[in-house]
Amino acid sequence: MPTSPKATIAVIGGKKKIKKISDLTIEQLGVLIDEIVEQRLEEYLGDPDEGLKLRPEFVRKLKRSMTHPPKKRYTLQEIAARCGIKLEE
């Protein structure tokens, strides 16, 4: 059974070692490179929101939205139609 790129990342993230890069498919190698680049950027740049606090007004609105759900919910299709976006089927 072929291994999916996501499964490869799970193995890499789980600290299991891959014996050879040559065992990866091009797609799996791309996913691995993306993960490594993302990790390095996070190490160098850090979390830009770290240490920031939410404004009290935002916290109040967030709590209200959680306790008082909207009267009408819209589907993705309805929102796309309103915005003139054609969704792929």
PDB file of N, CA and C in Angstrom:
ATOM      1  N   MET A   1       0.848  -1.172   0.000  1.00  0.00           N
ATOM      2  CA  MET A   1       0.000   0.000   0.000  1.00  0.00           C
ATOM      3  C   MET A   1       0.897   1.240   0.000  1.00  0.00           C
ATOM      4  N   PRO A   2       0.683   2.221  -0.919  1.00  0.00           N
ATOM      5  CA  PRO A   2       1.534   3.405  -0.967  1.00  0.00           C
ATOM      6  C   PRO A   2       1.320   4.293   0.254  1.00  0.00           C
ATOM      7  N   THR A   3       2.391   4.941   0.656  1.00  0.00           N
ATOM      8  CA  THR A   3       2.331   5.844   1.798  1.00  0.00           C
ATOM      9  C   THR A   3       1.966   7.229   1.306  1.00  0.00           C
ATOM     10  N   SER A   4       1.021   7.878   1.981  1.00  0.00           N
ATOM     11  CA  SER A   4       0.647   9.232   1.585  1.00  0.00           C
ATOM     12  C   SER A   4       1.668  10.216   2.134  1.00  0.00           C
ATOM     13  N   PRO A   5       1.791  11.427   1.514  1.00  0.00           N
ATOM     14  CA  PRO A   5       2.720  12.424   2.036  1.00  0.00           C
ATOM     15  C   PRO A   5       2.416  12.781   3.476  1.00  0.00           C
ATOM     16  N   LYS A   6       1.128  12.867   3.839  1.00  0.00           N
ATOM     17  CA  LYS A   6       0.769  13.214   5.217  1.00  0.00           C
ATOM     18  C   LYS A   6       1.235  12.139   6.187  1.00  0.00           C
ATOM     19  N   ALA A   7       1.147  10.869   5.776  1.00  0.00           N
ATOM     20  CA  ALA A   7       1.607   9.779   6.636  1.00  0.00           C
ATOM     21  C   ALA A   7       3.112   9.901   6.842  1.00  0.00           C
ATOM     22  N   THR A   8       3.820  10.296   5.798  1.00  0.00           N
ATOM     23  CA  THR A   8       5.270  10.467   5.911  1.00  0.00           C
ATOM     24  C   THR A   8       5.588  11.546   6.930  1.00  0.00           C
ATOM     25  N   ILE A   9       4.855  12.659   6.872  1.00  0.00           N
ATOM     26  CA  ILE A   9       5.094  13.741   7.821  1.00  0.00           C
ATOM     27  C   ILE A   9       4.792  13.285   9.237  1.00  0.00           C
ATOM     28  N   ALA A  10       3.741  12.498   9.419  1.00  0.00           N
ATOM     29  CA  ALA A  10       3.405  12.001  10.750  1.00  0.00           C
ATOM     30  C   ALA A  10       4.553  11.157  11.292  1.00  0.00           C
ATOM     31  N   VAL A  11       5.145  10.361  10.436  1.00  0.00           N
ATOM     32  CA  VAL A  11       6.277   9.539  10.864  1.00  0.00           C
ATOM     33  C   VAL A  11       7.457  10.420  11.217  1.00  0.00           C
ATOM     34  N   ILE A  12       7.703  11.444  10.400  1.00  0.00           N
ATOM     35  CA  ILE A  12       8.817  12.350  10.658  1.00  0.00           C
ATOM     36  C   ILE A  12       8.559  13.134  11.942  1.00  0.00           C
ATOM     37  N   GLY A  13       7.328  13.653  12.079  1.00  0.00           N
ATOM     38  CA  GLY A  13       6.973  14.400  13.281  1.00  0.00           C
ATOM     39  C   GLY A  13       7.031  13.535  14.523  1.00  0.00           C
ATOM     40  N   GLY A  14       6.804  12.227  14.365  1.00  0.00           N
ATOM     41  CA  GLY A  14       6.843  11.299  15.490  1.00  0.00           C
ATOM     42  C   GLY A  14       8.259  10.854  15.831  1.00  0.00           C
ATOM     43  N   LYS A  15       9.235  11.497  15.233  1.00  0.00           N
ATOM     44  CA  LYS A  15      10.652  11.245  15.491  1.00  0.00           C
ATOM     45  C   LYS A  15      11.142   9.879  15.011  1.00  0.00           C
ATOM     46  N   LYS A  16      10.359   9.193  14.177  1.00  0.00           N
ATOM     47  CA  LYS A  16      10.853   7.957  13.595  1.00  0.00           C
ATOM     48  C   LYS A  16      11.748   8.341  12.428  1.00  0.00           C
ATOM     49  N   LYS A  17      12.837   7.654  12.276  1.00  0.00           N
ATOM     50  CA  LYS A  17      13.802   8.048  11.258  1.00  0.00           C
ATOM     51  C   LYS A  17      13.500   7.387   9.919  1.00  0.00           C
ATOM     52  N   ILE A  18      13.699   8.166   8.874  1.00  0.00           N
ATOM     53  CA  ILE A  18      13.618   7.635   7.520  1.00  0.00           C
ATOM     54  C   ILE A  18      15.035   7.234   7.156  1.00  0.00           C
ATOM     55  N   LYS A  19      15.185   6.033   6.656  1.00  0.00           N
ATOM     56  CA  LYS A  19      16.533   5.557   6.376  1.00  0.00           C
ATOM     57  C   LYS A  19      17.170   6.281   5.207  1.00  0.00           C
ATOM     58  N   LYS A  20      16.380   6.539   4.142  1.00  0.00           N
ATOM     59  CA  LYS A  20      16.938   7.210   2.977  1.00  0.00           C
ATOM     60  C   LYS A  20      15.931   8.180   2.389  1.00  0.00           C
ATOM     61  N   ILE A  21      16.415   9.342   2.046  1.00  0.00           N
ATOM     62  CA  ILE A  21      15.579  10.315   1.346  1.00  0.00           C
ATOM     63  C   ILE A  21      15.142   9.730   0.009  1.00  0.00           C
ATOM     64  N   SER A  22      15.987   8.909  -0.570  1.00  0.00           N
ATOM     65  CA  SER A  22      15.672   8.330  -1.886  1.00  0.00           C
ATOM     66  C   SER A  22      14.447   7.413  -1.831  1.00  0.00           C
ATOM     67  N   ASP A  23      14.020   7.023  -0.628  1.00  0.00           N
ATOM     68  CA  ASP A  23      12.829   6.193  -0.498  1.00  0.00           C
ATOM     69  C   ASP A  23      11.535   7.009  -0.616  1.00  0.00           C
ATOM     70  N   LEU A  24      11.653   8.345  -0.532  1.00  0.00           N
ATOM     71  CA  LEU A  24      10.479   9.204  -0.607  1.00  0.00           C
ATOM     72  C   LEU A  24      10.086   9.470  -2.056  1.00  0.00           C
ATOM     73  N   THR A  25       8.794   9.685  -2.257  1.00  0.00           N
ATOM     74  CA  THR A  25       8.344  10.133  -3.572  1.00  0.00           C
ATOM     75  C   THR A  25       8.636  11.633  -3.675  1.00  0.00           C
ATOM     76  N   ILE A  26       8.519  12.189  -4.867  1.00  0.00           N
ATOM     77  CA  ILE A  26       8.718  13.630  -5.054  1.00  0.00           C
ATOM     78  C   ILE A  26       7.729  14.400  -4.184  1.00  0.00           C
ATOM     79  N   GLU A  27       6.481  13.946  -4.150  1.00  0.00           N
ATOM     80  CA  GLU A  27       5.457  14.622  -3.356  1.00  0.00           C
ATOM     81  C   GLU A  27       5.796  14.571  -1.864  1.00  0.00           C
ATOM     82  N   GLN A  28       6.245  13.420  -1.386  1.00  0.00           N
ATOM     83  CA  GLN A  28       6.611  13.281   0.030  1.00  0.00           C
ATOM     84  C   GLN A  28       7.815  14.158   0.361  1.00  0.00           C
ATOM     85  N   LEU A  29       8.781  14.226  -0.553  1.00  0.00           N
ATOM     86  CA  LEU A  29       9.956  15.065  -0.331  1.00  0.00           C
ATOM     87  C   LEU A  29       9.533  16.530  -0.247  1.00  0.00           C
ATOM     88  N   GLY A  30       8.608  16.941  -1.111  1.00  0.00           N
ATOM     89  CA  GLY A  30       8.113  18.315  -1.075  1.00  0.00           C
ATOM     90  C   GLY A  30       7.449  18.640   0.247  1.00  0.00           C
ATOM     91  N   VAL A  31       6.648  17.711   0.746  1.00  0.00           N
ATOM     92  CA  VAL A  31       5.971  17.911   2.032  1.00  0.00           C
ATOM     93  C   VAL A  31       7.015  18.001   3.147  1.00  0.00           C
ATOM     94  N   LEU A  32       8.013  17.159   3.096  1.00  0.00           N
ATOM     95  CA  LEU A  32       9.087  17.177   4.100  1.00  0.00           C
ATOM     96  C   LEU A  32       9.823  18.518   4.076  1.00  0.00           C
ATOM     97  N   ILE A  33      10.158  19.002   2.883  1.00  0.00           N
ATOM     98  CA  ILE A  33      10.859  20.288   2.761  1.00  0.00           C
ATOM     99  C   ILE A  33       9.986  21.406   3.314  1.00  0.00           C
ATOM    100  N   ASP A  34       8.691  21.394   2.966  1.00  0.00           N
ATOM    101  CA  ASP A  34       7.775  22.415   3.484  1.00  0.00           C
ATOM    102  C   ASP A  34       7.763  22.419   5.011  1.00  0.00           C
ATOM    103  N   GLU A  35       7.710  21.228   5.608  1.00  0.00           N
ATOM    104  CA  GLU A  35       7.670  21.139   7.069  1.00  0.00           C
ATOM    105  C   GLU A  35       8.962  21.674   7.685  1.00  0.00           C
ATOM    106  N   ILE A  36      10.090  21.334   7.108  1.00  0.00           N
ATOM    107  CA  ILE A  36      11.378  21.792   7.633  1.00  0.00           C
ATOM    108  C   ILE A  36      11.497  23.309   7.527  1.00  0.00           C
ATOM    109  N   VAL A  37      11.107  23.870   6.378  1.00  0.00           N
ATOM    110  CA  VAL A  37      11.174  25.321   6.196  1.00  0.00           C
ATOM    111  C   VAL A  37      10.271  26.019   7.208  1.00  0.00           C
ATOM    112  N   GLU A  38       9.055  25.498   7.392  1.00  0.00           N
ATOM    113  CA  GLU A  38       8.119  26.087   8.353  1.00  0.00           C
ATOM    114  C   GLU A  38       8.697  26.054   9.765  1.00  0.00           C
ATOM    115  N   GLN A  39       9.312  24.926  10.144  1.00  0.00           N
ATOM    116  CA  GLN A  39       9.916  24.809  11.474  1.00  0.00           C
ATOM    117  C   GLN A  39      11.046  25.826  11.652  1.00  0.00           C
ATOM    118  N   ARG A  40      11.884  25.958  10.640  1.00  0.00           N
ATOM    119  CA  ARG A  40      13.020  26.891  10.735  1.00  0.00           C
ATOM    120  C   ARG A  40      12.542  28.333  10.815  1.00  0.00           C
ATOM    121  N   LEU A  41      11.554  28.691   9.997  1.00  0.00           N
ATOM    122  CA  LEU A  41      11.031  30.057  10.045  1.00  0.00           C
ATOM    123  C   LEU A  41      10.442  30.357  11.417  1.00  0.00           C
ATOM    124  N   GLU A  42       9.719  29.399  11.973  1.00  0.00           N
ATOM    125  CA  GLU A  42       9.148  29.599  13.302  1.00  0.00           C
ATOM    126  C   GLU A  42      10.251  29.763  14.347  1.00  0.00           C
ATOM    127  N   GLU A  43      11.333  28.985  14.217  1.00  0.00           N
ATOM    128  CA  GLU A  43      12.455  29.109  15.156  1.00  0.00           C
ATOM    129  C   GLU A  43      13.089  30.490  15.067  1.00  0.00           C
ATOM    130  N   TYR A  44      13.294  30.992  13.849  1.00  0.00           N
ATOM    131  CA  TYR A  44      13.973  32.274  13.659  1.00  0.00           C
ATOM    132  C   TYR A  44      13.063  33.469  13.940  1.00  0.00           C
ATOM    133  N   LEU A  45      11.818  33.383  13.496  1.00  0.00           N
ATOM    134  CA  LEU A  45      10.918  34.525  13.609  1.00  0.00           C
ATOM    135  C   LEU A  45      10.048  34.480  14.846  1.00  0.00           C
ATOM    136  N   GLY A  46       9.788  33.281  15.366  1.00  0.00           N
ATOM    137  CA  GLY A  46       8.930  33.138  16.529  1.00  0.00           C
ATOM    138  C   GLY A  46       7.476  33.395  16.183  1.00  0.00           C
ATOM    139  N   ASP A  47       6.645  33.431  17.197  1.00  0.00           N
ATOM    140  CA  ASP A  47       5.223  33.682  17.037  1.00  0.00           C
ATOM    141  C   ASP A  47       4.992  35.183  17.138  1.00  0.00           C
ATOM    142  N   PRO A  48       4.532  35.830  16.058  1.00  0.00           N
ATOM    143  CA  PRO A  48       4.360  37.284  16.103  1.00  0.00           C
ATOM    144  C   PRO A  48       3.288  37.732  17.101  1.00  0.00           C
ATOM    145  N   ASP A  49       2.397  36.843  17.497  1.00  0.00           N
ATOM    146  CA  ASP A  49       1.335  37.204  18.442  1.00  0.00           C
ATOM    147  C   ASP A  49       1.697  36.885  19.893  1.00  0.00           C
ATOM    148  N   GLU A  50       2.852  36.290  20.093  1.00  0.00           N
ATOM    149  CA  GLU A  50       3.247  35.903  21.449  1.00  0.00           C
ATOM    150  C   GLU A  50       3.337  37.134  22.346  1.00  0.00           C
ATOM    151  N   GLY A  51       2.715  37.048  23.497  1.00  0.00           N
ATOM    152  CA  GLY A  51       2.762  38.127  24.473  1.00  0.00           C
ATOM    153  C   GLY A  51       1.694  39.193  24.285  1.00  0.00           C
ATOM    154  N   LEU A  52       0.979  39.148  23.160  1.00  0.00           N
ATOM    155  CA  LEU A  52      -0.070  40.140  22.940  1.00  0.00           C
ATOM    156  C   LEU A  52      -1.325  39.745  23.714  1.00  0.00           C
ATOM    157  N   LYS A  53      -2.081  40.752  24.115  1.00  0.00           N
ATOM    158  CA  LYS A  53      -3.319  40.496  24.854  1.00  0.00           C
ATOM    159  C   LYS A  53      -4.509  40.929  24.013  1.00  0.00           C
ATOM    160  N   LEU A  54      -5.609  40.238  24.233  1.00  0.00           N
ATOM    161  CA  LEU A  54      -6.846  40.591  23.538  1.00  0.00           C
ATOM    162  C   LEU A  54      -7.473  41.809  24.200  1.00  0.00           C
ATOM    163  N   ARG A  55      -8.023  42.703  23.380  1.00  0.00           N
ATOM    164  CA  ARG A  55      -8.706  43.870  23.927  1.00  0.00           C
ATOM    165  C   ARG A  55      -9.976  43.410  24.638  1.00  0.00           C
ATOM    166  N   PRO A  56     -10.326  44.059  25.754  1.00  0.00           N
ATOM    167  CA  PRO A  56     -11.523  43.674  26.508  1.00  0.00           C
ATOM    168  C   PRO A  56     -12.788  43.677  25.638  1.00  0.00           C
ATOM    169  N   GLU A  57     -12.906  44.645  24.731  1.00  0.00           N
ATOM    170  CA  GLU A  57     -14.077  44.711  23.856  1.00  0.00           C
ATOM    171  C   GLU A  57     -14.177  43.453  22.989  1.00  0.00           C
ATOM    172  N   PHE A  58     -13.048  42.998  22.465  1.00  0.00           N
ATOM    173  CA  PHE A  58     -13.035  41.790  21.634  1.00  0.00           C
ATOM    174  C   PHE A  58     -13.431  40.575  22.471  1.00  0.00           C
ATOM    175  N   VAL A  59     -12.923  40.481  23.687  1.00  0.00           N
ATOM    176  CA  VAL A  59     -13.243  39.352  24.574  1.00  0.00           C
ATOM    177  C   VAL A  59     -14.740  39.320  24.853  1.00  0.00           C
ATOM    178  N   ARG A  60     -15.335  40.491  25.116  1.00  0.00           N
ATOM    179  CA  ARG A  60     -16.790  40.557  25.364  1.00  0.00           C
ATOM    180  C   ARG A  60     -17.570  40.075  24.140  1.00  0.00           C
ATOM    181  N   LYS A  61     -17.183  40.546  22.959  1.00  0.00           N
ATOM    182  CA  LYS A  61     -17.882  40.142  21.731  1.00  0.00           C
ATOM    183  C   LYS A  61     -17.728  38.645  21.478  1.00  0.00           C
ATOM    184  N   LEU A  62     -16.551  38.136  21.738  1.00  0.00           N
ATOM    185  CA  LEU A  62     -16.299  36.707  21.536  1.00  0.00           C
ATOM    186  C   LEU A  62     -17.171  35.875  22.476  1.00  0.00           C
ATOM    187  N   LYS A  63     -17.208  36.250  23.747  1.00  0.00           N
ATOM    188  CA  LYS A  63     -18.036  35.526  24.719  1.00  0.00           C
ATOM    189  C   LYS A  63     -19.511  35.593  24.326  1.00  0.00           C
ATOM    190  N   ARG A  64     -19.955  36.774  23.888  1.00  0.00           N
ATOM    191  CA  ARG A  64     -21.359  36.921  23.479  1.00  0.00           C
ATOM    192  C   ARG A  64     -21.660  36.027  22.276  1.00  0.00           C
ATOM    193  N   SER A  65     -20.747  35.970  21.311  1.00  0.00           N
ATOM    194  CA  SER A  65     -20.987  35.151  20.122  1.00  0.00           C
ATOM    195  C   SER A  65     -21.040  33.663  20.472  1.00  0.00           C
ATOM    196  N   MET A  66     -20.353  33.285  21.526  1.00  0.00           N
ATOM    197  CA  MET A  66     -20.355  31.878  21.936  1.00  0.00           C
ATOM    198  C   MET A  66     -21.633  31.518  22.693  1.00  0.00           C
ATOM    199  N   THR A  67     -22.219  32.472  23.405  1.00  0.00           N
ATOM    200  CA  THR A  67     -23.433  32.184  24.183  1.00  0.00           C
ATOM    201  C   THR A  67     -24.712  32.531  23.433  1.00  0.00           C
ATOM    202  N   HIS A  68     -24.607  33.363  22.396  1.00  0.00           N
ATOM    203  CA  HIS A  68     -25.764  33.763  21.594  1.00  0.00           C
ATOM    204  C   HIS A  68     -25.465  33.484  20.121  1.00  0.00           C
ATOM    205  N   PRO A  69     -25.689  32.266  19.689  1.00  0.00           N
ATOM    206  CA  PRO A  69     -25.374  31.937  18.292  1.00  0.00           C
ATOM    207  C   PRO A  69     -26.233  32.751  17.319  1.00  0.00           C
ATOM    208  N   PRO A  70     -25.754  32.944  16.104  1.00  0.00           N
ATOM    209  CA  PRO A  70     -26.517  33.722  15.131  1.00  0.00           C
ATOM    210  C   PRO A  70     -27.855  33.055  14.814  1.00  0.00           C
ATOM    211  N   LYS A  71     -28.835  33.883  14.433  1.00  0.00           N
ATOM    212  CA  LYS A  71     -30.161  33.361  14.116  1.00  0.00           C
ATOM    213  C   LYS A  71     -30.131  32.548  12.830  1.00  0.00           C
ATOM    214  N   LYS A  72     -29.310  32.965  11.896  1.00  0.00           N
ATOM    215  CA  LYS A  72     -29.236  32.288  10.597  1.00  0.00           C
ATOM    216  C   LYS A  72     -27.797  31.914  10.324  1.00  0.00           C
ATOM    217  N   ARG A  73     -27.603  30.707   9.879  1.00  0.00           N
ATOM    218  CA  ARG A  73     -26.270  30.263   9.461  1.00  0.00           C
ATOM    219  C   ARG A  73     -26.293  30.114   7.951  1.00  0.00           C
ATOM    220  N   TYR A  74     -25.175  30.430   7.320  1.00  0.00           N
ATOM    221  CA  TYR A  74     -25.074  30.366   5.867  1.00  0.00           C
ATOM    222  C   TYR A  74     -24.156  29.228   5.459  1.00  0.00           C
ATOM    223  N   THR A  75     -24.524  28.549   4.397  1.00  0.00           N
ATOM    224  CA  THR A  75     -23.675  27.483   3.877  1.00  0.00           C
ATOM    225  C   THR A  75     -22.567  28.106   3.040  1.00  0.00           C
ATOM    226  N   LEU A  76     -21.547  27.332   2.776  1.00  0.00           N
ATOM    227  CA  LEU A  76     -20.448  27.788   1.924  1.00  0.00           C
ATOM    228  C   LEU A  76     -20.980  28.178   0.549  1.00  0.00           C
ATOM    229  N   GLN A  77     -21.910  27.394   0.035  1.00  0.00           N
ATOM    230  CA  GLN A  77     -22.481  27.666  -1.283  1.00  0.00           C
ATOM    231  C   GLN A  77     -23.200  29.013  -1.303  1.00  0.00           C
ATOM    232  N   GLU A  78     -23.942  29.338  -0.227  1.00  0.00           N
ATOM    233  CA  GLU A  78     -24.646  30.620  -0.163  1.00  0.00           C
ATOM    234  C   GLU A  78     -23.671  31.794  -0.118  1.00  0.00           C
ATOM    235  N   ILE A  79     -22.627  31.649   0.652  1.00  0.00           N
ATOM    236  CA  ILE A  79     -21.632  32.717   0.753  1.00  0.00           C
ATOM    237  C   ILE A  79     -20.911  32.899  -0.582  1.00  0.00           C
ATOM    238  N   ALA A  80     -20.536  31.798  -1.208  1.00  0.00           N
ATOM    239  CA  ALA A  80     -19.857  31.870  -2.502  1.00  0.00           C
ATOM    240  C   ALA A  80     -20.747  32.546  -3.533  1.00  0.00           C
ATOM    241  N   ALA A  81     -22.020  32.206  -3.556  1.00  0.00           N
ATOM    242  CA  ALA A  81     -22.956  32.809  -4.515  1.00  0.00           C
ATOM    243  C   ALA A  81     -23.068  34.315  -4.271  1.00  0.00           C
ATOM    244  N   ARG A  82     -23.150  34.729  -3.021  1.00  0.00           N
ATOM    245  CA  ARG A  82     -23.224  36.160  -2.699  1.00  0.00           C
ATOM    246  C   ARG A  82     -21.976  36.920  -3.160  1.00  0.00           C
ATOM    247  N   CYS A  83     -20.824  36.244  -3.082  1.00  0.00           N
ATOM    248  CA  CYS A  83     -19.556  36.886  -3.448  1.00  0.00           C
ATOM    249  C   CYS A  83     -19.215  36.696  -4.919  1.00  0.00           C
ATOM    250  N   GLY A  84     -20.055  35.974  -5.647  1.00  0.00           N
ATOM    251  CA  GLY A  84     -19.807  35.731  -7.071  1.00  0.00           C
ATOM    252  C   GLY A  84     -18.669  34.759  -7.325  1.00  0.00           C
ATOM    253  N   ILE A  85     -18.470  33.838  -6.393  1.00  0.00           N
ATOM    254  CA  ILE A  85     -17.405  32.842  -6.523  1.00  0.00           C
ATOM    255  C   ILE A  85     -18.022  31.519  -6.957  1.00  0.00           C
ATOM    256  N   LYS A  86     -17.436  30.919  -7.982  1.00  0.00           N
ATOM    257  CA  LYS A  86     -17.923  29.616  -8.444  1.00  0.00           C
ATOM    258  C   LYS A  86     -17.078  28.538  -7.774  1.00  0.00           C
ATOM    259  N   LEU A  87     -17.719  27.649  -7.052  1.00  0.00           N
ATOM    260  CA  LEU A  87     -17.023  26.559  -6.362  1.00  0.00           C
ATOM    261  C   LEU A  87     -16.852  25.360  -7.299  1.00  0.00           C
ATOM    262  N   GLU A  88     -15.715  24.693  -7.164  1.00  0.00           N
ATOM    263  CA  GLU A  88     -15.504  23.473  -7.920  1.00  0.00           C
ATOM    264  C   GLU A  88     -16.286  22.345  -7.277  1.00  0.00           C
ATOM    265  N   GLU A  89     -16.801  21.463  -8.101  1.00  0.00           N
ATOM    266  CA  GLU A  89     -17.579  20.338  -7.552  1.00  0.00           C
ATOM    267  C   GLU A  89     -16.781  19.083  -7.550  1.00  0.00           C
TER     268      GLU A  89
END
